[in-house]
Amino acid sequence: MLDQAKLMKQAFDMKRKMDKTQKELSKRELVVQYGSATITITGDQQIREVKLDPTVQEMENIRELEATIKNAFNKAISESQEAAKKELQAITGGLNIPGLT
């Protein structure tokens, strides 16, 4: 029984650390630039700011601009998810916990 109690305490401590880390991630911002678009995103994948370089006015093709913006968002989300994954893996010791890592 002692081992089970110890395991429960460890699980509770891990959950507490993960909750704290996720809260901290929501406050962190990552700035990602792709072409003429700059995206500021939080660690919990909330977009804070989108900036377009003034040179976008020179783009002749609206599809080119749309592709740049889409790719910038995808890159920002991917980098934010990767940063969050690294933070959470440090807590879980590399355990793959579905929905968390």
N, C-alpha and C. Protein backbone atom coordinates (compact mmCIF):
# COMPACT_ATOMS: atom_id res chain seq x y z
N MET A 1 0.81 -1.20 0.00
CA MET A 1 0.00 0.00 0.00
C MET A 1 0.85 1.26 0.00
N LEU A 2 2.00 1.17 0.63
CA LEU A 2 2.88 2.34 0.70
C LEU A 2 3.31 2.78 -0.70
N ASP A 3 3.60 1.82 -1.56
CA ASP A 3 4.00 2.15 -2.92
C ASP A 3 2.87 2.83 -3.68
N GLN A 4 1.66 2.38 -3.46
CA GLN A 4 0.52 2.99 -4.14
C GLN A 4 0.31 4.43 -3.66
N ALA A 5 0.48 4.69 -2.39
CA ALA A 5 0.35 6.04 -1.87
C ALA A 5 1.45 6.94 -2.42
N LYS A 6 2.64 6.40 -2.50
CA LYS A 6 3.77 7.15 -3.05
C LYS A 6 3.52 7.48 -4.53
N LEU A 7 3.00 6.51 -5.26
CA LEU A 7 2.70 6.71 -6.68
C LEU A 7 1.61 7.77 -6.86
N MET A 8 0.60 7.76 -6.01
CA MET A 8 -0.47 8.75 -6.08
C MET A 8 0.07 10.15 -5.78
N LYS A 9 0.96 10.25 -4.82
CA LYS A 9 1.57 11.54 -4.49
C LYS A 9 2.39 12.05 -5.67
N GLN A 10 3.15 11.17 -6.29
CA GLN A 10 3.95 11.56 -7.45
C GLN A 10 3.06 12.03 -8.60
N ALA A 11 1.95 11.33 -8.82
CA ALA A 11 1.02 11.71 -9.88
C ALA A 11 0.40 13.08 -9.57
N PHE A 12 0.04 13.30 -8.32
CA PHE A 12 -0.53 14.59 -7.92
C PHE A 12 0.50 15.71 -8.10
N ASP A 13 1.75 15.46 -7.70
CA ASP A 13 2.80 16.46 -7.86
C ASP A 13 3.05 16.77 -9.34
N MET A 14 3.06 15.74 -10.18
CA MET A 14 3.25 15.94 -11.61
C MET A 14 2.11 16.77 -12.20
N LYS A 15 0.89 16.47 -11.80
CA LYS A 15 -0.27 17.22 -12.28
C LYS A 15 -0.18 18.68 -11.86
N ARG A 16 0.22 18.93 -10.64
CA ARG A 16 0.36 20.30 -10.14
C ARG A 16 1.43 21.06 -10.94
N LYS A 17 2.56 20.40 -11.19
CA LYS A 17 3.62 21.03 -11.98
C LYS A 17 3.18 21.30 -13.41
N MET A 18 2.43 20.37 -13.98
CA MET A 18 1.95 20.55 -15.35
C MET A 18 0.95 21.70 -15.43
N ASP A 19 0.06 21.80 -14.46
CA ASP A 19 -0.90 22.90 -14.44
C ASP A 19 -0.16 24.25 -14.34
N LYS A 20 0.84 24.29 -13.48
CA LYS A 20 1.62 25.52 -13.32
C LYS A 20 2.34 25.87 -14.62
N THR A 21 2.94 24.88 -15.27
CA THR A 21 3.66 25.11 -16.51
C THR A 21 2.72 25.58 -17.61
N GLN A 22 1.54 24.98 -17.71
CA GLN A 22 0.58 25.40 -18.72
C GLN A 22 0.12 26.83 -18.48
N LYS A 23 -0.03 27.22 -17.24
CA LYS A 23 -0.41 28.60 -16.92
C LYS A 23 0.71 29.56 -17.33
N GLU A 24 1.96 29.17 -17.04
CA GLU A 24 3.10 29.99 -17.42
C GLU A 24 3.23 30.09 -18.94
N LEU A 25 2.96 28.99 -19.64
CA LEU A 25 3.03 29.00 -21.10
C LEU A 25 2.03 29.98 -21.70
N SER A 26 0.87 30.10 -21.07
CA SER A 26 -0.15 31.01 -21.61
C SER A 26 0.30 32.47 -21.53
N LYS A 27 1.27 32.75 -20.67
CA LYS A 27 1.77 34.11 -20.52
C LYS A 27 2.98 34.38 -21.41
N ARG A 28 3.62 33.34 -21.90
CA ARG A 28 4.80 33.50 -22.75
C ARG A 28 4.38 33.82 -24.18
N GLU A 29 5.18 34.64 -24.82
CA GLU A 29 4.91 34.98 -26.21
C GLU A 29 6.09 34.58 -27.08
N LEU A 30 5.76 34.11 -28.24
CA LEU A 30 6.74 33.70 -29.24
C LEU A 30 6.47 34.53 -30.49
N VAL A 31 7.49 35.16 -31.01
CA VAL A 31 7.35 35.97 -32.22
C VAL A 31 7.97 35.20 -33.37
N VAL A 32 7.16 34.95 -34.40
CA VAL A 32 7.59 34.15 -35.55
C VAL A 32 7.43 34.98 -36.82
N GLN A 33 8.48 35.00 -37.61
CA GLN A 33 8.41 35.73 -38.87
C GLN A 33 8.48 34.75 -40.02
N TYR A 34 7.61 34.98 -40.97
CA TYR A 34 7.60 34.17 -42.19
C TYR A 34 7.35 35.12 -43.34
N GLY A 35 8.35 35.28 -44.18
CA GLY A 35 8.20 36.23 -45.29
C GLY A 35 7.92 37.62 -44.76
N SER A 36 6.87 38.23 -45.24
CA SER A 36 6.54 39.59 -44.84
C SER A 36 5.52 39.63 -43.70
N ALA A 37 5.24 38.48 -43.08
CA ALA A 37 4.28 38.42 -41.97
C ALA A 37 5.00 38.06 -40.68
N THR A 38 4.61 38.73 -39.61
CA THR A 38 5.14 38.43 -38.27
C THR A 38 3.95 38.14 -37.36
N ILE A 39 4.00 36.99 -36.70
CA ILE A 39 2.93 36.55 -35.82
C ILE A 39 3.47 36.47 -34.40
N THR A 40 2.72 37.03 -33.46
CA THR A 40 3.02 36.87 -32.04
C THR A 40 1.97 35.93 -31.47
N ILE A 41 2.44 34.82 -30.88
CA ILE A 41 1.55 33.78 -30.39
C ILE A 41 1.98 33.39 -28.98
N THR A 42 1.02 33.00 -28.14
CA THR A 42 1.34 32.57 -26.79
C THR A 42 1.66 31.08 -26.77
N GLY A 43 2.15 30.63 -25.64
CA GLY A 43 2.46 29.21 -25.47
C GLY A 43 1.25 28.32 -25.50
N ASP A 44 0.06 28.89 -25.35
CA ASP A 44 -1.16 28.09 -25.46
C ASP A 44 -1.90 28.38 -26.77
N GLN A 45 -1.14 28.79 -27.77
CA GLN A 45 -1.58 28.99 -29.15
C GLN A 45 -2.68 30.05 -29.33
N GLN A 46 -2.58 31.12 -28.60
CA GLN A 46 -3.47 32.26 -28.79
C GLN A 46 -2.70 33.34 -29.56
N ILE A 47 -3.28 33.81 -30.65
CA ILE A 47 -2.63 34.83 -31.46
C ILE A 47 -2.78 36.17 -30.75
N ARG A 48 -1.66 36.84 -30.52
CA ARG A 48 -1.67 38.15 -29.88
C ARG A 48 -1.57 39.29 -30.87
N GLU A 49 -0.82 39.06 -31.95
CA GLU A 49 -0.60 40.15 -32.89
C GLU A 49 -0.20 39.59 -34.25
N VAL A 50 -0.66 40.29 -35.28
CA VAL A 50 -0.28 39.97 -36.65
C VAL A 50 0.22 41.28 -37.26
N LYS A 51 1.43 41.23 -37.80
CA LYS A 51 1.99 42.41 -38.46
C LYS A 51 2.40 42.02 -39.87
N LEU A 52 2.10 42.92 -40.80
CA LEU A 52 2.53 42.73 -42.17
C LEU A 52 3.52 43.82 -42.51
N ASP A 53 4.61 43.42 -43.13
CA ASP A 53 5.62 44.36 -43.58
C ASP A 53 5.01 45.28 -44.64
N PRO A 54 5.36 46.55 -44.64
CA PRO A 54 4.80 47.47 -45.64
C PRO A 54 5.05 47.03 -47.09
N THR A 55 6.01 46.15 -47.28
CA THR A 55 6.29 45.69 -48.65
C THR A 55 5.16 44.84 -49.22
N VAL A 56 4.20 44.40 -48.39
CA VAL A 56 3.10 43.60 -48.92
C VAL A 56 2.26 44.40 -49.92
N GLN A 57 2.33 45.70 -49.81
CA GLN A 57 1.60 46.54 -50.76
C GLN A 57 2.14 46.36 -52.17
N GLU A 58 3.38 45.92 -52.26
CA GLU A 58 4.01 45.72 -53.55
C GLU A 58 3.66 44.37 -54.17
N MET A 59 3.06 43.49 -53.37
CA MET A 59 2.69 42.18 -53.90
C MET A 59 1.58 42.35 -54.93
N GLU A 60 1.80 41.76 -56.06
CA GLU A 60 0.82 41.87 -57.14
C GLU A 60 -0.25 40.79 -57.06
N ASN A 61 0.06 39.72 -56.38
CA ASN A 61 -0.84 38.58 -56.36
C ASN A 61 -1.40 38.40 -54.95
N ILE A 62 -2.72 38.54 -54.80
CA ILE A 62 -3.36 38.39 -53.50
C ILE A 62 -3.18 36.96 -52.97
N ARG A 63 -3.09 35.99 -53.86
CA ARG A 63 -2.89 34.61 -53.42
C ARG A 63 -1.52 34.43 -52.77
N GLU A 64 -0.55 35.16 -53.25
CA GLU A 64 0.79 35.12 -52.64
C GLU A 64 0.72 35.65 -51.21
N LEU A 65 0.00 36.74 -51.02
CA LEU A 65 -0.16 37.31 -49.68
C LEU A 65 -0.92 36.35 -48.77
N GLU A 66 -1.98 35.78 -49.29
CA GLU A 66 -2.77 34.82 -48.50
C GLU A 66 -1.92 33.62 -48.09
N ALA A 67 -1.11 33.12 -49.01
CA ALA A 67 -0.23 31.98 -48.71
C ALA A 67 0.81 32.35 -47.66
N THR A 68 1.35 33.55 -47.75
CA THR A 68 2.33 34.01 -46.77
C THR A 68 1.70 34.07 -45.38
N ILE A 69 0.52 34.63 -45.28
CA ILE A 69 -0.16 34.75 -43.98
C ILE A 69 -0.50 33.37 -43.43
N LYS A 70 -1.03 32.49 -44.27
CA LYS A 70 -1.37 31.13 -43.83
C LYS A 70 -0.13 30.40 -43.33
N ASN A 71 0.96 30.48 -44.09
CA ASN A 71 2.19 29.80 -43.70
C ASN A 71 2.78 30.39 -42.42
N ALA A 72 2.65 31.69 -42.24
CA ALA A 72 3.14 32.33 -41.02
C ALA A 72 2.35 31.82 -39.81
N PHE A 73 1.02 31.72 -39.94
CA PHE A 73 0.21 31.19 -38.85
C PHE A 73 0.58 29.74 -38.53
N ASN A 74 0.71 28.93 -39.56
CA ASN A 74 1.06 27.53 -39.34
C ASN A 74 2.42 27.38 -38.68
N LYS A 75 3.39 28.18 -39.10
CA LYS A 75 4.72 28.13 -38.49
C LYS A 75 4.66 28.57 -37.03
N ALA A 76 3.90 29.63 -36.74
CA ALA A 76 3.78 30.12 -35.37
C ALA A 76 3.13 29.07 -34.47
N ILE A 77 2.07 28.46 -34.95
CA ILE A 77 1.39 27.43 -34.16
C ILE A 77 2.31 26.25 -33.92
N SER A 78 3.00 25.81 -34.96
CA SER A 78 3.92 24.67 -34.83
C SER A 78 5.03 24.95 -33.83
N GLU A 79 5.64 26.13 -33.91
CA GLU A 79 6.72 26.48 -32.98
C GLU A 79 6.20 26.61 -31.55
N SER A 80 5.01 27.15 -31.40
CA SER A 80 4.42 27.28 -30.07
C SER A 80 4.12 25.90 -29.47
N GLN A 81 3.58 25.00 -30.27
CA GLN A 81 3.30 23.65 -29.80
C GLN A 81 4.58 22.91 -29.42
N GLU A 82 5.63 23.10 -30.22
CA GLU A 82 6.90 22.44 -29.93
C GLU A 82 7.51 22.96 -28.62
N ALA A 83 7.41 24.27 -28.40
CA ALA A 83 7.93 24.84 -27.16
C ALA A 83 7.15 24.30 -25.96
N ALA A 84 5.84 24.22 -26.08
CA ALA A 84 5.01 23.69 -24.99
C ALA A 84 5.33 22.22 -24.74
N LYS A 85 5.51 21.46 -25.81
CA LYS A 85 5.83 20.04 -25.69
C LYS A 85 7.14 19.84 -24.92
N LYS A 86 8.15 20.65 -25.23
CA LYS A 86 9.44 20.53 -24.53
C LYS A 86 9.29 20.84 -23.05
N GLU A 87 8.52 21.87 -22.73
CA GLU A 87 8.31 22.24 -21.32
C GLU A 87 7.61 21.10 -20.57
N LEU A 88 6.58 20.53 -21.17
CA LEU A 88 5.82 19.49 -20.50
C LEU A 88 6.60 18.18 -20.42
N GLN A 89 7.43 17.89 -21.43
CA GLN A 89 8.23 16.68 -21.37
C GLN A 89 9.26 16.74 -20.25
N ALA A 90 9.71 17.94 -19.93
CA ALA A 90 10.65 18.09 -18.82
C ALA A 90 10.00 17.65 -17.51
N ILE A 91 8.69 17.84 -17.41
CA ILE A 91 7.97 17.46 -16.19
C ILE A 91 7.64 15.97 -16.19
N THR A 92 7.20 15.46 -17.34
CA THR A 92 6.76 14.07 -17.40
C THR A 92 7.91 13.08 -17.58
N GLY A 93 9.11 13.61 -17.75
CA GLY A 93 10.26 12.73 -17.92
C GLY A 93 10.21 11.98 -19.24
N GLY A 94 9.54 12.57 -20.21
CA GLY A 94 9.46 11.94 -21.52
C GLY A 94 8.29 10.98 -21.68
N LEU A 95 7.49 10.79 -20.63
CA LEU A 95 6.31 9.93 -20.76
C LEU A 95 5.36 10.54 -21.75
N ASN A 96 4.80 9.73 -22.61
CA ASN A 96 3.84 10.22 -23.59
C ASN A 96 2.44 10.12 -22.98
N ILE A 97 1.93 11.24 -22.51
CA ILE A 97 0.61 11.28 -21.91
C ILE A 97 -0.33 11.94 -22.92
N PRO A 98 -1.23 11.17 -23.52
CA PRO A 98 -2.10 11.73 -24.56
C PRO A 98 -2.84 12.97 -24.09
N GLY A 99 -2.84 13.99 -24.95
CA GLY A 99 -3.52 15.23 -24.63
C GLY A 99 -2.69 16.21 -23.85
N LEU A 100 -1.55 15.79 -23.36
CA LEU A 100 -0.70 16.66 -22.56
C LEU A 100 0.66 16.88 -23.19
N THR A 101 1.18 15.87 -23.87
CA THR A 101 2.51 15.99 -24.48
C THR A 101 2.46 15.74 -25.96
